[in-house]
Amino acid sequence: MATPENRRSQAKGGDKLRPKSRRKGRGKKGKGKPAEKPKKKDKSSLDADLDSYMLKDKKFAATKLNSDLDDYMAAAAKAKEEKKEETKKE
């Protein structure tokens, strides 16, 4: 409905320069929660993830576990020999 006030602004061309909506942007509505940043993983968790992925193949898993066990036993034997040598020196 045209009121005398609207007629005056239309005659002056005031509506052409003003946007119909004065609201800018979306505001704070609808943004949701901020995304969580992924936590940095340490070396042990990365190794565990890699092992669990690699152990899916049974043949590879058997080979890897055997080599890990051989490495452990070799290191244990070496540590035992070093301990014997230390006791002999004393």
C-alpha atoms as a PDB file:
ATOM      1  CA  MET A   1       0.000   0.000   0.000  1.00  0.00           C
ATOM      2  CA  ALA A   2       1.394   3.342  -0.944  1.00  0.00           C
ATOM      3  CA  THR A   3       1.513   5.824   1.889  1.00  0.00           C
ATOM      4  CA  PRO A   4       2.443   9.466   1.501  1.00  0.00           C
ATOM      5  CA  GLU A   5       5.885   8.745   2.997  1.00  0.00           C
ATOM      6  CA  ASN A   6       6.584   5.988   0.480  1.00  0.00           C
ATOM      7  CA  ARG A   7       5.435   8.197  -2.364  1.00  0.00           C
ATOM      8  CA  ARG A   8       7.908  10.863  -1.382  1.00  0.00           C
ATOM      9  CA  SER A   9      10.836   8.432  -1.233  1.00  0.00           C
ATOM     10  CA  GLN A  10       9.862   6.901  -4.551  1.00  0.00           C
ATOM     11  CA  ALA A  11       9.680  10.300  -6.147  1.00  0.00           C
ATOM     12  CA  LYS A  12      13.147  11.187  -4.878  1.00  0.00           C
ATOM     13  CA  GLY A  13      14.623   7.848  -5.973  1.00  0.00           C
ATOM     14  CA  GLY A  14      15.633   6.837  -2.458  1.00  0.00           C
ATOM     15  CA  ASP A  15      14.605   3.187  -2.827  1.00  0.00           C
ATOM     16  CA  LYS A  16      16.908   2.607  -5.766  1.00  0.00           C
ATOM     17  CA  LEU A  17      20.040   3.287  -3.759  1.00  0.00           C
ATOM     18  CA  ARG A  18      19.143   1.349  -0.631  1.00  0.00           C
ATOM     19  CA  PRO A  19      19.214  -2.420  -0.485  1.00  0.00           C
ATOM     20  CA  LYS A  20      15.903  -3.987   0.487  1.00  0.00           C
ATOM     21  CA  SER A  21      17.530  -6.013   3.248  1.00  0.00           C
ATOM     22  CA  ARG A  22      19.898  -4.356   5.675  1.00  0.00           C
ATOM     23  CA  ARG A  23      21.113  -7.628   7.115  1.00  0.00           C
ATOM     24  CA  LYS A  24      24.612  -8.564   6.053  1.00  0.00           C
ATOM     25  CA  GLY A  25      25.932 -12.112   6.082  1.00  0.00           C
ATOM     26  CA  ARG A  26      24.472 -15.067   7.898  1.00  0.00           C
ATOM     27  CA  GLY A  27      25.445 -14.037  11.362  1.00  0.00           C
ATOM     28  CA  LYS A  28      26.184 -16.732  13.911  1.00  0.00           C
ATOM     29  CA  LYS A  29      23.276 -18.970  13.003  1.00  0.00           C
ATOM     30  CA  GLY A  30      23.915 -22.171  11.108  1.00  0.00           C
ATOM     31  CA  LYS A  31      27.665 -22.353  11.439  1.00  0.00           C
ATOM     32  CA  GLY A  32      27.691 -25.386  13.708  1.00  0.00           C
ATOM     33  CA  LYS A  33      30.533 -26.492  15.914  1.00  0.00           C
ATOM     34  CA  PRO A  34      34.096 -25.840  14.807  1.00  0.00           C
ATOM     35  CA  ALA A  35      35.804 -28.895  13.385  1.00  0.00           C
ATOM     36  CA  GLU A  36      38.159 -30.720  15.722  1.00  0.00           C
ATOM     37  CA  LYS A  37      41.778 -30.733  14.715  1.00  0.00           C
ATOM     38  CA  PRO A  38      43.279 -34.186  14.319  1.00  0.00           C
ATOM     39  CA  LYS A  39      45.620 -35.042  17.163  1.00  0.00           C
ATOM     40  CA  LYS A  40      49.249 -35.584  16.330  1.00  0.00           C
ATOM     41  CA  LYS A  41      50.329 -39.194  16.643  1.00  0.00           C
ATOM     42  CA  ASP A  42      53.524 -40.292  18.279  1.00  0.00           C
ATOM     43  CA  LYS A  43      55.959 -42.853  16.910  1.00  0.00           C
ATOM     44  CA  SER A  44      54.576 -45.818  18.846  1.00  0.00           C
ATOM     45  CA  SER A  45      50.984 -45.280  17.683  1.00  0.00           C
ATOM     46  CA  LEU A  46      52.131 -44.890  14.069  1.00  0.00           C
ATOM     47  CA  ASP A  47      54.144 -48.118  14.334  1.00  0.00           C
ATOM     48  CA  ALA A  48      51.136 -49.926  15.789  1.00  0.00           C
ATOM     49  CA  ASP A  49      48.921 -48.676  12.949  1.00  0.00           C
ATOM     50  CA  LEU A  50      51.444 -49.786  10.355  1.00  0.00           C
ATOM     51  CA  ASP A  51      51.817 -53.217  11.938  1.00  0.00           C
ATOM     52  CA  SER A  52      48.062 -53.766  12.106  1.00  0.00           C
ATOM     53  CA  TYR A  53      47.795 -52.845   8.418  1.00  0.00           C
ATOM     54  CA  MET A  54      50.704 -55.045   7.361  1.00  0.00           C
ATOM     55  CA  LEU A  55      49.598 -58.050   9.413  1.00  0.00           C
ATOM     56  CA  LYS A  56      46.429 -58.430   7.350  1.00  0.00           C
ATOM     57  CA  ASP A  57      48.408 -60.582   4.888  1.00  0.00           C
ATOM     58  CA  LYS A  58      49.203 -63.895   6.658  1.00  0.00           C
ATOM     59  CA  LYS A  59      52.325 -64.704   4.639  1.00  0.00           C
ATOM     60  CA  PHE A  60      53.845 -61.282   5.223  1.00  0.00           C
ATOM     61  CA  ALA A  61      52.796 -61.374   8.870  1.00  0.00           C
ATOM     62  CA  ALA A  62      54.601 -64.667   9.463  1.00  0.00           C
ATOM     63  CA  THR A  63      57.759 -63.377   7.787  1.00  0.00           C
ATOM     64  CA  LYS A  64      57.698 -60.113   9.728  1.00  0.00           C
ATOM     65  CA  LEU A  65      57.058 -61.747  13.084  1.00  0.00           C
ATOM     66  CA  ASN A  66      59.866 -64.256  12.497  1.00  0.00           C
ATOM     67  CA  SER A  67      62.334 -61.512  11.587  1.00  0.00           C
ATOM     68  CA  ASP A  68      61.261 -59.431  14.615  1.00  0.00           C
ATOM     69  CA  LEU A  69      61.749 -62.432  16.895  1.00  0.00           C
ATOM     70  CA  ASP A  70      65.179 -63.185  15.390  1.00  0.00           C
ATOM     71  CA  ASP A  71      66.261 -59.564  15.899  1.00  0.00           C
ATOM     72  CA  TYR A  72      65.060 -59.620  19.508  1.00  0.00           C
ATOM     73  CA  MET A  73      66.828 -62.878  20.284  1.00  0.00           C
ATOM     74  CA  ALA A  74      70.074 -61.624  18.715  1.00  0.00           C
ATOM     75  CA  ALA A  75      69.929 -58.440  20.795  1.00  0.00           C
ATOM     76  CA  ALA A  76      69.186 -60.453  23.959  1.00  0.00           C
ATOM     77  CA  ALA A  77      72.129 -62.803  23.320  1.00  0.00           C
ATOM     78  CA  LYS A  78      74.453 -59.857  22.737  1.00  0.00           C
ATOM     79  CA  ALA A  79      73.307 -58.165  25.962  1.00  0.00           C
ATOM     80  CA  LYS A  80      73.847 -61.424  27.877  1.00  0.00           C
ATOM     81  CA  GLU A  81      77.419 -61.752  26.548  1.00  0.00           C
ATOM     82  CA  GLU A  82      78.207 -58.150  27.476  1.00  0.00           C
ATOM     83  CA  LYS A  83      76.900 -58.747  30.980  1.00  0.00           C
ATOM     84  CA  LYS A  84      79.136 -61.832  31.349  1.00  0.00           C
ATOM     85  CA  GLU A  85      82.179 -59.841  30.218  1.00  0.00           C
ATOM     86  CA  GLU A  86      81.442 -57.113  32.765  1.00  0.00           C
ATOM     87  CA  THR A  87      81.216 -59.621  35.590  1.00  0.00           C
ATOM     88  CA  LYS A  88      84.528 -61.218  34.548  1.00  0.00           C
ATOM     89  CA  LYS A  89      86.321 -57.850  34.569  1.00  0.00           C
ATOM     90  CA  GLU A  90      85.220 -57.131  38.124  1.00  0.00           C
END
